[in-house]
Amino acid sequence: MATITSLVDTTTTTNQGKPGDTVQINGTAMATTTRVNFGSTAVTPTGVTATQVTFVVPSTAPCSGQVAVSVSSNTGATSNAMPFFVIATPTTTGTSVTCLPAATGGSVTLFGTNFLTGNQVTVGSVGNVAVTPTQTSQVTFTAPANAGQVADVTTQAVTIRTAGGTSTSGTTMVDYYLAPAITSVAPTSGTAGDSIVINGTSFIGVDTVTFTDSADDTATAVFTPIGDDQLVAIVPGGLATGAGTITVHTCGGDSNDQAFTVT
């Protein structure tokens, strides 16, 4: 009668895997094997020798958990059983940030389920990142920069690959933003309460307009977006007179410092 000594999933090189994986059953006296017993499911072997039987984990395997695996011969004799662990497919539910600077990327925590056997996070077309999760529900990684981005904003799907497969693409997304740039302001000088038109590029999701005065002190301004290339800011109070600058900030980072004189 056949005796099983080990089970090896050829994808994970362990006794863990997912439906569709090929598994090697190692042992002795297995030349007459005609059936693999995967729990209550009978599976036809894909290869049989005296010391090894191979089979494919069936699609009817449970979503996760332990399954007893044995082999049966053409005479009906059944070997000992050994455990195989079906790894659940990972799912993603969100990230710690919704956007990143295209120029630098940044730290992201991905949330979801069944991460423990994960080895890679993919950020859309931007790139892959090796990971080693220590928790089943989250993993932190550094998303790469999106070099060469042309559009003001690009949306990328975030997925994770584990021994149980790859999470569904499109469930969790992150946006990459180009940094804003100021091209001109009008007028180029003003006092507290004045309206200043700021022209530039990539004014998507502007969250802060900052005035810096001649003493290098700063103040944030109330502003109104006009479009992706223009906004109107009110010169804040409390600034020292003289030459200073204006900057605009978005998720893409800080703009250049544009000259402005407080009068």
C-alpha atoms as a PDB file:
ATOM      1  CA  MET A   1       0.000   0.000   0.000  1.00  0.00           C
ATOM      2  CA  ALA A   2       1.162   3.521  -0.796  1.00  0.00           C
ATOM      3  CA  THR A   3       2.625   5.697   1.932  1.00  0.00           C
ATOM      4  CA  ILE A   4       2.676   9.509   1.665  1.00  0.00           C
ATOM      5  CA  THR A   5       5.659  11.317   3.205  1.00  0.00           C
ATOM      6  CA  SER A   6       5.039  14.918   2.085  1.00  0.00           C
ATOM      7  CA  LEU A   7       2.890  17.280   0.018  1.00  0.00           C
ATOM      8  CA  VAL A   8       4.495  20.141  -1.918  1.00  0.00           C
ATOM      9  CA  ASP A   9       2.573  22.857  -3.762  1.00  0.00           C
ATOM     10  CA  THR A  10       4.846  23.729  -6.705  1.00  0.00           C
ATOM     11  CA  THR A  11       3.814  27.390  -6.574  1.00  0.00           C
ATOM     12  CA  THR A  12       4.428  28.010  -2.868  1.00  0.00           C
ATOM     13  CA  THR A  13       6.900  25.114  -2.229  1.00  0.00           C
ATOM     14  CA  THR A  14       4.912  24.357   0.938  1.00  0.00           C
ATOM     15  CA  ASN A  15       1.829  22.309   1.771  1.00  0.00           C
ATOM     16  CA  GLN A  16      -0.279  25.426   1.229  1.00  0.00           C
ATOM     17  CA  GLY A  17      -1.874  26.708  -1.948  1.00  0.00           C
ATOM     18  CA  LYS A  18      -4.990  27.545  -3.897  1.00  0.00           C
ATOM     19  CA  PRO A  19      -7.290  25.989  -6.527  1.00  0.00           C
ATOM     20  CA  GLY A  20      -5.431  25.531  -9.801  1.00  0.00           C
ATOM     21  CA  ASP A  21      -2.044  24.910  -8.180  1.00  0.00           C
ATOM     22  CA  THR A  22      -0.115  21.728  -8.992  1.00  0.00           C
ATOM     23  CA  VAL A  23       0.751  19.618  -5.942  1.00  0.00           C
ATOM     24  CA  GLN A  24       3.380  16.894  -5.692  1.00  0.00           C
ATOM     25  CA  ILE A  25       2.589  13.954  -3.401  1.00  0.00           C
ATOM     26  CA  ASN A  26       5.847  12.307  -2.383  1.00  0.00           C
ATOM     27  CA  GLY A  27       6.050   8.806  -0.931  1.00  0.00           C
ATOM     28  CA  THR A  28       6.514   5.137  -1.692  1.00  0.00           C
ATOM     29  CA  ALA A  29       4.657   2.360  -3.531  1.00  0.00           C
ATOM     30  CA  MET A  30       2.482   4.832  -5.461  1.00  0.00           C
ATOM     31  CA  ALA A  31       2.879   3.410  -8.996  1.00  0.00           C
ATOM     32  CA  THR A  32      -0.657   1.966  -9.045  1.00  0.00           C
ATOM     33  CA  THR A  33      -2.375   5.205  -7.938  1.00  0.00           C
ATOM     34  CA  THR A  34      -5.511   5.991  -9.936  1.00  0.00           C
ATOM     35  CA  ARG A  35      -7.146   8.591  -7.678  1.00  0.00           C
ATOM     36  CA  VAL A  36      -6.185  11.419  -5.354  1.00  0.00           C
ATOM     37  CA  ASN A  37      -8.586  11.969  -2.501  1.00  0.00           C
ATOM     38  CA  PHE A  38      -8.737  15.705  -1.844  1.00  0.00           C
ATOM     39  CA  GLY A  39     -11.027  15.727   1.138  1.00  0.00           C
ATOM     40  CA  SER A  40     -14.279  14.257  -0.209  1.00  0.00           C
ATOM     41  CA  THR A  41     -13.395  15.111  -3.822  1.00  0.00           C
ATOM     42  CA  ALA A  42     -11.889  12.473  -6.137  1.00  0.00           C
ATOM     43  CA  VAL A  43      -9.190  13.990  -8.384  1.00  0.00           C
ATOM     44  CA  THR A  44      -7.522  12.291 -11.352  1.00  0.00           C
ATOM     45  CA  PRO A  45      -3.700  12.476 -11.084  1.00  0.00           C
ATOM     46  CA  THR A  46      -1.757  14.363 -13.749  1.00  0.00           C
ATOM     47  CA  GLY A  47       1.325  12.204 -13.197  1.00  0.00           C
ATOM     48  CA  VAL A  48       2.139   8.957 -11.412  1.00  0.00           C
ATOM     49  CA  THR A  49       5.461   7.273 -10.545  1.00  0.00           C
ATOM     50  CA  ALA A  50       6.468   4.907  -7.784  1.00  0.00           C
ATOM     51  CA  THR A  51       7.608   7.807  -5.581  1.00  0.00           C
ATOM     52  CA  GLN A  52       5.511  10.770  -6.724  1.00  0.00           C
ATOM     53  CA  VAL A  53       1.950  11.614  -7.747  1.00  0.00           C
ATOM     54  CA  THR A  54       0.971  15.031  -9.058  1.00  0.00           C
ATOM     55  CA  PHE A  55      -2.479  16.591  -9.183  1.00  0.00           C
ATOM     56  CA  VAL A  56      -4.164  19.964  -9.558  1.00  0.00           C
ATOM     57  CA  VAL A  57      -6.058  21.426  -6.603  1.00  0.00           C
ATOM     58  CA  PRO A  58      -9.710  21.324  -7.755  1.00  0.00           C
ATOM     59  CA  SER A  59     -11.933  24.376  -8.129  1.00  0.00           C
ATOM     60  CA  THR A  60     -14.293  22.744  -5.625  1.00  0.00           C
ATOM     61  CA  ALA A  61     -11.706  23.183  -2.859  1.00  0.00           C
ATOM     62  CA  PRO A  62     -12.965  25.159   0.150  1.00  0.00           C
ATOM     63  CA  CYS A  63     -12.181  28.883   0.259  1.00  0.00           C
ATOM     64  CA  SER A  64      -9.732  28.217   3.083  1.00  0.00           C
ATOM     65  CA  GLY A  65      -8.813  25.642   5.672  1.00  0.00           C
ATOM     66  CA  GLN A  66      -7.248  22.198   6.089  1.00  0.00           C
ATOM     67  CA  VAL A  67      -8.000  19.337   3.696  1.00  0.00           C
ATOM     68  CA  ALA A  68      -6.896  15.712   4.108  1.00  0.00           C
ATOM     69  CA  VAL A  69      -5.084  14.313   1.040  1.00  0.00           C
ATOM     70  CA  SER A  70      -4.552  10.626   0.311  1.00  0.00           C
ATOM     71  CA  VAL A  71      -4.173   8.383  -2.745  1.00  0.00           C
ATOM     72  CA  SER A  72      -6.044   5.250  -3.784  1.00  0.00           C
ATOM     73  CA  SER A  73      -4.789   2.442  -6.022  1.00  0.00           C
ATOM     74  CA  ASN A  74      -6.518   0.515  -8.807  1.00  0.00           C
ATOM     75  CA  THR A  75      -7.406  -2.132  -6.224  1.00  0.00           C
ATOM     76  CA  GLY A  76      -9.033   0.387  -3.902  1.00  0.00           C
ATOM     77  CA  ALA A  77      -6.249   0.458  -1.301  1.00  0.00           C
ATOM     78  CA  THR A  78      -5.906   3.897   0.253  1.00  0.00           C
ATOM     79  CA  SER A  79      -2.774   5.435   1.712  1.00  0.00           C
ATOM     80  CA  ASN A  80      -2.347   7.461   4.849  1.00  0.00           C
ATOM     81  CA  ALA A  81      -3.635  11.044   4.691  1.00  0.00           C
ATOM     82  CA  MET A  82      -1.646  14.254   5.097  1.00  0.00           C
ATOM     83  CA  PRO A  83      -2.921  17.806   5.528  1.00  0.00           C
ATOM     84  CA  PHE A  84      -3.012  20.427   2.775  1.00  0.00           C
ATOM     85  CA  PHE A  85      -3.984  23.988   3.625  1.00  0.00           C
ATOM     86  CA  VAL A  86      -6.080  25.970   1.167  1.00  0.00           C
ATOM     87  CA  ILE A  87      -5.107  29.648   1.381  1.00  0.00           C
ATOM     88  CA  ALA A  88      -7.943  32.138   0.989  1.00  0.00           C
ATOM     89  CA  THR A  89      -7.746  34.699  -1.823  1.00  0.00           C
ATOM     90  CA  PRO A  90      -6.820  38.141  -0.469  1.00  0.00           C
ATOM     91  CA  THR A  91      -9.188  41.101  -0.637  1.00  0.00           C
ATOM     92  CA  THR A  92      -8.390  44.804  -0.350  1.00  0.00           C
ATOM     93  CA  THR A  93     -10.655  47.346   1.333  1.00  0.00           C
ATOM     94  CA  GLY A  94      -8.711  50.624   1.191  1.00  0.00           C
ATOM     95  CA  THR A  95      -5.485  52.495   1.846  1.00  0.00           C
ATOM     96  CA  SER A  96      -4.207  54.919   4.461  1.00  0.00           C
ATOM     97  CA  VAL A  97      -3.839  57.631   1.804  1.00  0.00           C
ATOM     98  CA  THR A  98      -5.897  58.443  -1.269  1.00  0.00           C
ATOM     99  CA  CYS A  99      -3.193  60.268  -3.223  1.00  0.00           C
ATOM    100  CA  LEU A 100       0.576  60.484  -3.646  1.00  0.00           C
ATOM    101  CA  PRO A 101       3.094  62.857  -5.242  1.00  0.00           C
ATOM    102  CA  ALA A 102       3.986  61.534  -8.685  1.00  0.00           C
ATOM    103  CA  ALA A 103       7.555  62.749  -8.249  1.00  0.00           C
ATOM    104  CA  THR A 104       8.292  60.748  -5.120  1.00  0.00           C
ATOM    105  CA  GLY A 105       5.574  58.222  -4.331  1.00  0.00           C
ATOM    106  CA  GLY A 106       5.353  57.560  -0.605  1.00  0.00           C
ATOM    107  CA  SER A 107       4.343  55.372   2.295  1.00  0.00           C
ATOM    108  CA  VAL A 108       1.012  53.550   1.987  1.00  0.00           C
ATOM    109  CA  THR A 109      -0.751  51.127   4.304  1.00  0.00           C
ATOM    110  CA  LEU A 110      -2.993  48.708   2.422  1.00  0.00           C
ATOM    111  CA  PHE A 111      -5.966  47.255   4.312  1.00  0.00           C
ATOM    112  CA  GLY A 112      -7.888  44.066   3.605  1.00  0.00           C
ATOM    113  CA  THR A 113      -7.968  40.368   4.462  1.00  0.00           C
ATOM    114  CA  ASN A 114      -5.799  37.247   4.085  1.00  0.00           C
ATOM    115  CA  PHE A 115      -2.486  39.100   3.648  1.00  0.00           C
ATOM    116  CA  LEU A 116      -0.148  36.882   5.700  1.00  0.00           C
ATOM    117  CA  THR A 117       1.275  34.903   2.776  1.00  0.00           C
ATOM    118  CA  GLY A 118       1.633  38.024   0.628  1.00  0.00           C
ATOM    119  CA  ASN A 119       4.881  38.747  -1.186  1.00  0.00           C
ATOM    120  CA  GLN A 120       4.097  41.542  -3.643  1.00  0.00           C
ATOM    121  CA  VAL A 121       1.947  44.657  -3.946  1.00  0.00           C
ATOM    122  CA  THR A 122       1.294  46.040  -7.423  1.00  0.00           C
ATOM    123  CA  VAL A 123       0.477  49.720  -7.933  1.00  0.00           C
ATOM    124  CA  GLY A 124      -1.203  49.759 -11.350  1.00  0.00           C
ATOM    125  CA  SER A 125       1.228  50.522 -14.160  1.00  0.00           C
ATOM    126  CA  VAL A 126       3.638  52.252 -11.758  1.00  0.00           C
ATOM    127  CA  GLY A 127       5.358  49.119 -10.470  1.00  0.00           C
ATOM    128  CA  ASN A 128       5.632  46.223  -8.047  1.00  0.00           C
ATOM    129  CA  VAL A 129       6.824  46.339  -4.446  1.00  0.00           C
ATOM    130  CA  ALA A 130       8.046  43.334  -2.438  1.00  0.00           C
ATOM    131  CA  VAL A 131       6.256  42.983   0.909  1.00  0.00           C
ATOM    132  CA  THR A 132       6.346  40.682   3.929  1.00  0.00           C
ATOM    133  CA  PRO A 133       3.084  41.166   5.836  1.00  0.00           C
ATOM    134  CA  THR A 134       3.080  40.486   9.572  1.00  0.00           C
ATOM    135  CA  GLN A 135      -0.651  41.044   9.953  1.00  0.00           C
ATOM    136  CA  THR A 136      -3.516  39.426   8.094  1.00  0.00           C
ATOM    137  CA  SER A 137      -5.427  42.681   7.607  1.00  0.00           C
ATOM    138  CA  GLN A 138      -2.787  45.259   6.604  1.00  0.00           C
ATOM    139  CA  VAL A 139       0.655  45.832   5.162  1.00  0.00           C
ATOM    140  CA  THR A 140       2.716  49.015   4.819  1.00  0.00           C
ATOM    141  CA  PHE A 141       4.905  49.612   1.773  1.00  0.00           C
ATOM    142  CA  THR A 142       6.573  52.442  -0.129  1.00  0.00           C
ATOM    143  CA  ALA A 143       4.755  53.160  -3.376  1.00  0.00           C
ATOM    144  CA  PRO A 144       7.211  54.042  -6.154  1.00  0.00           C
ATOM    145  CA  ALA A 145       7.301  57.383  -7.958  1.00  0.00           C
ATOM    146  CA  ASN A 146       5.324  57.602 -11.182  1.00  0.00           C
ATOM    147  CA  ALA A 147       8.180  58.863 -13.327  1.00  0.00           C
ATOM    148  CA  GLY A 148       7.154  60.379 -16.622  1.00  0.00           C
ATOM    149  CA  GLN A 149       3.561  61.125 -15.589  1.00  0.00           C
ATOM    150  CA  VAL A 150       2.036  63.689 -17.966  1.00  0.00           C
ATOM    151  CA  ALA A 151      -1.565  64.002 -16.777  1.00  0.00           C
ATOM    152  CA  ASP A 152      -2.237  66.129 -13.707  1.00  0.00           C
ATOM    153  CA  VAL A 153      -3.741  63.069 -11.959  1.00  0.00           C
ATOM    154  CA  THR A 154      -3.537  59.350 -12.734  1.00  0.00           C
ATOM    155  CA  THR A 155      -5.506  56.685 -10.892  1.00  0.00           C
ATOM    156  CA  GLN A 156      -3.788  53.370 -10.154  1.00  0.00           C
ATOM    157  CA  ALA A 157      -5.239  50.105  -8.861  1.00  0.00           C
ATOM    158  CA  VAL A 158      -3.530  48.599  -5.809  1.00  0.00           C
ATOM    159  CA  THR A 159      -3.480  44.793  -5.536  1.00  0.00           C
ATOM    160  CA  ILE A 160      -1.653  42.250  -3.391  1.00  0.00           C
ATOM    161  CA  ARG A 161      -0.382  38.805  -4.410  1.00  0.00           C
ATOM    162  CA  THR A 162      -0.358  35.969  -1.868  1.00  0.00           C
ATOM    163  CA  ALA A 163      -0.203  32.197  -1.884  1.00  0.00           C
ATOM    164  CA  GLY A 164      -3.996  32.362  -2.223  1.00  0.00           C
ATOM    165  CA  GLY A 165      -3.879  34.384  -5.425  1.00  0.00           C
ATOM    166  CA  THR A 166      -4.127  38.064  -6.306  1.00  0.00           C
ATOM    167  CA  SER A 167      -6.772  40.444  -5.010  1.00  0.00           C
ATOM    168  CA  THR A 168      -9.316  41.875  -7.435  1.00  0.00           C
ATOM    169  CA  SER A 169      -8.023  44.827  -9.446  1.00  0.00           C
ATOM    170  CA  GLY A 170     -10.113  47.990  -9.286  1.00  0.00           C
ATOM    171  CA  THR A 171     -11.339  47.476  -5.729  1.00  0.00           C
ATOM    172  CA  THR A 172      -8.720  49.749  -4.144  1.00  0.00           C
ATOM    173  CA  MET A 173      -7.258  52.767  -5.920  1.00  0.00           C
ATOM    174  CA  VAL A 174      -4.698  55.497  -5.280  1.00  0.00           C
ATOM    175  CA  ASP A 175      -4.182  58.741  -7.228  1.00  0.00           C
ATOM    176  CA  TYR A 176      -0.826  60.185  -8.288  1.00  0.00           C
ATOM    177  CA  TYR A 177      -0.657  63.994  -8.546  1.00  0.00           C
ATOM    178  CA  LEU A 178       1.801  66.180 -10.408  1.00  0.00           C
ATOM    179  CA  ALA A 179       3.196  69.022  -8.310  1.00  0.00           C
ATOM    180  CA  PRO A 180       1.565  72.396  -8.970  1.00  0.00           C
ATOM    181  CA  ALA A 181       3.550  75.208 -10.571  1.00  0.00           C
ATOM    182  CA  ILE A 182       2.866  78.951 -10.370  1.00  0.00           C
ATOM    183  CA  THR A 183       3.568  80.879 -13.575  1.00  0.00           C
ATOM    184  CA  SER A 184       2.393  84.347 -12.562  1.00  0.00           C
ATOM    185  CA  VAL A 185       0.407  86.371 -10.041  1.00  0.00           C
ATOM    186  CA  ALA A 186      -1.563  89.583 -10.616  1.00  0.00           C
ATOM    187  CA  PRO A 187      -1.095  92.030  -9.155  1.00  0.00           C
ATOM    188  CA  THR A 188       2.447  91.266  -7.954  1.00  0.00           C
ATOM    189  CA  SER A 189       1.992  93.274  -4.773  1.00  0.00           C
ATOM    190  CA  GLY A 190      -0.814  93.971  -2.324  1.00  0.00           C
ATOM    191  CA  THR A 191      -1.918  94.421   1.228  1.00  0.00           C
ATOM    192  CA  ALA A 192      -4.075  92.384   3.612  1.00  0.00           C
ATOM    193  CA  GLY A 193      -7.540  91.790   2.147  1.00  0.00           C
ATOM    194  CA  ASP A 194      -6.532  92.268  -1.486  1.00  0.00           C
ATOM    195  CA  SER A 195      -7.539  89.646  -4.059  1.00  0.00           C
ATOM    196  CA  ILE A 196      -4.620  88.109  -5.958  1.00  0.00           C
ATOM    197  CA  VAL A 197      -5.061  86.030  -9.114  1.00  0.00           C
ATOM    198  CA  ILE A 198      -2.603  83.121  -9.164  1.00  0.00           C
ATOM    199  CA  ASN A 199      -1.991  81.413 -12.520  1.00  0.00           C
ATOM    200  CA  GLY A 200      -0.218  78.112 -13.021  1.00  0.00           C
ATOM    201  CA  THR A 201      -0.539  74.428 -13.794  1.00  0.00           C
ATOM    202  CA  SER A 202      -1.748  71.305 -11.973  1.00  0.00           C
ATOM    203  CA  PHE A 203      -3.963  73.251  -9.564  1.00  0.00           C
ATOM    204  CA  ILE A 204      -5.912  70.045  -8.851  1.00  0.00           C
ATOM    205  CA  GLY A 205      -7.068  69.585  -5.260  1.00  0.00           C
ATOM    206  CA  VAL A 206      -5.278  72.673  -3.939  1.00  0.00           C
ATOM    207  CA  ASP A 207      -5.451  72.547  -0.135  1.00  0.00           C
ATOM    208  CA  THR A 208      -3.169  75.412   0.929  1.00  0.00           C
ATOM    209  CA  VAL A 209      -2.010  78.761  -0.416  1.00  0.00           C
ATOM    210  CA  THR A 210       0.835  80.185   1.672  1.00  0.00           C
ATOM    211  CA  PHE A 211       2.196  83.728   1.766  1.00  0.00           C
ATOM    212  CA  THR A 212       5.730  84.189   3.116  1.00  0.00           C
ATOM    213  CA  ASP A 213       6.793  87.706   4.112  1.00  0.00           C
ATOM    214  CA  SER A 214      10.112  89.544   4.215  1.00  0.00           C
ATOM    215  CA  ALA A 215      10.781  88.230   7.735  1.00  0.00           C
ATOM    216  CA  ASP A 216      10.285  84.652   6.500  1.00  0.00           C
ATOM    217  CA  ASP A 217       7.064  84.332   8.506  1.00  0.00           C
ATOM    218  CA  THR A 218       4.158  82.537   6.845  1.00  0.00           C
ATOM    219  CA  ALA A 219       0.382  82.806   6.761  1.00  0.00           C
ATOM    220  CA  THR A 220      -2.207  80.724   4.946  1.00  0.00           C
ATOM    221  CA  ALA A 221      -4.695  82.468   2.695  1.00  0.00           C
ATOM    222  CA  VAL A 222      -8.383  82.018   2.003  1.00  0.00           C
ATOM    223  CA  PHE A 223      -8.671  81.103  -1.681  1.00  0.00           C
ATOM    224  CA  THR A 224     -11.187  80.223  -4.382  1.00  0.00           C
ATOM    225  CA  PRO A 225     -10.314  77.814  -7.211  1.00  0.00           C
ATOM    226  CA  ILE A 226     -11.217  79.130 -10.670  1.00  0.00           C
ATOM    227  CA  GLY A 227      -9.992  76.148 -12.665  1.00  0.00           C
ATOM    228  CA  ASP A 228      -7.110  73.717 -13.015  1.00  0.00           C
ATOM    229  CA  ASP A 229      -4.789  76.624 -13.838  1.00  0.00           C
ATOM    230  CA  GLN A 230      -6.047  79.544 -11.784  1.00  0.00           C
ATOM    231  CA  LEU A 231      -7.223  80.544  -8.319  1.00  0.00           C
ATOM    232  CA  VAL A 232      -7.915  83.742  -6.402  1.00  0.00           C
ATOM    233  CA  ALA A 233      -6.340  84.206  -2.951  1.00  0.00           C
ATOM    234  CA  ILE A 234      -6.914  86.888  -0.349  1.00  0.00           C
ATOM    235  CA  VAL A 235      -3.724  88.390   1.097  1.00  0.00           C
ATOM    236  CA  PRO A 236      -3.782  87.337   4.781  1.00  0.00           C
ATOM    237  CA  GLY A 237      -3.190  89.786   7.607  1.00  0.00           C
ATOM    238  CA  GLY A 238      -0.224  89.933   9.948  1.00  0.00           C
ATOM    239  CA  LEU A 239       2.501  89.859   7.296  1.00  0.00           C
ATOM    240  CA  ALA A 240       5.542  92.129   7.362  1.00  0.00           C
ATOM    241  CA  THR A 241       5.850  94.506   4.429  1.00  0.00           C
ATOM    242  CA  GLY A 242       8.425  93.914   1.752  1.00  0.00           C
ATOM    243  CA  ALA A 243       9.458  91.214  -0.720  1.00  0.00           C
ATOM    244  CA  GLY A 244       8.012  87.779  -0.087  1.00  0.00           C
ATOM    245  CA  THR A 245       6.617  84.762  -1.934  1.00  0.00           C
ATOM    246  CA  ILE A 246       3.471  82.759  -2.619  1.00  0.00           C
ATOM    247  CA  THR A 247       3.332  78.954  -2.807  1.00  0.00           C
ATOM    248  CA  VAL A 248       0.521  76.533  -3.617  1.00  0.00           C
ATOM    249  CA  HIS A 249       0.249  73.021  -2.209  1.00  0.00           C
ATOM    250  CA  THR A 250      -1.605  69.928  -3.428  1.00  0.00           C
ATOM    251  CA  CYS A 251      -1.216  66.209  -2.879  1.00  0.00           C
ATOM    252  CA  GLY A 252       1.492  66.456  -5.528  1.00  0.00           C
ATOM    253  CA  GLY A 253       3.621  68.655  -3.261  1.00  0.00           C
ATOM    254  CA  ASP A 254       4.610  72.314  -3.046  1.00  0.00           C
ATOM    255  CA  SER A 255       4.819  74.616  -6.026  1.00  0.00           C
ATOM    256  CA  ASN A 256       7.706  76.923  -6.784  1.00  0.00           C
ATOM    257  CA  ASP A 257       8.005  80.124  -4.738  1.00  0.00           C
ATOM    258  CA  GLN A 258       6.484  82.978  -6.743  1.00  0.00           C
ATOM    259  CA  ALA A 259       7.632  86.512  -5.899  1.00  0.00           C
ATOM    260  CA  PHE A 260       5.068  88.777  -4.225  1.00  0.00           C
ATOM    261  CA  THR A 261       5.502  92.038  -2.324  1.00  0.00           C
ATOM    262  CA  VAL A 262       3.411  92.837   0.751  1.00  0.00           C
ATOM    263  CA  THR A 263       2.624  96.526   0.929  1.00  0.00           C
END
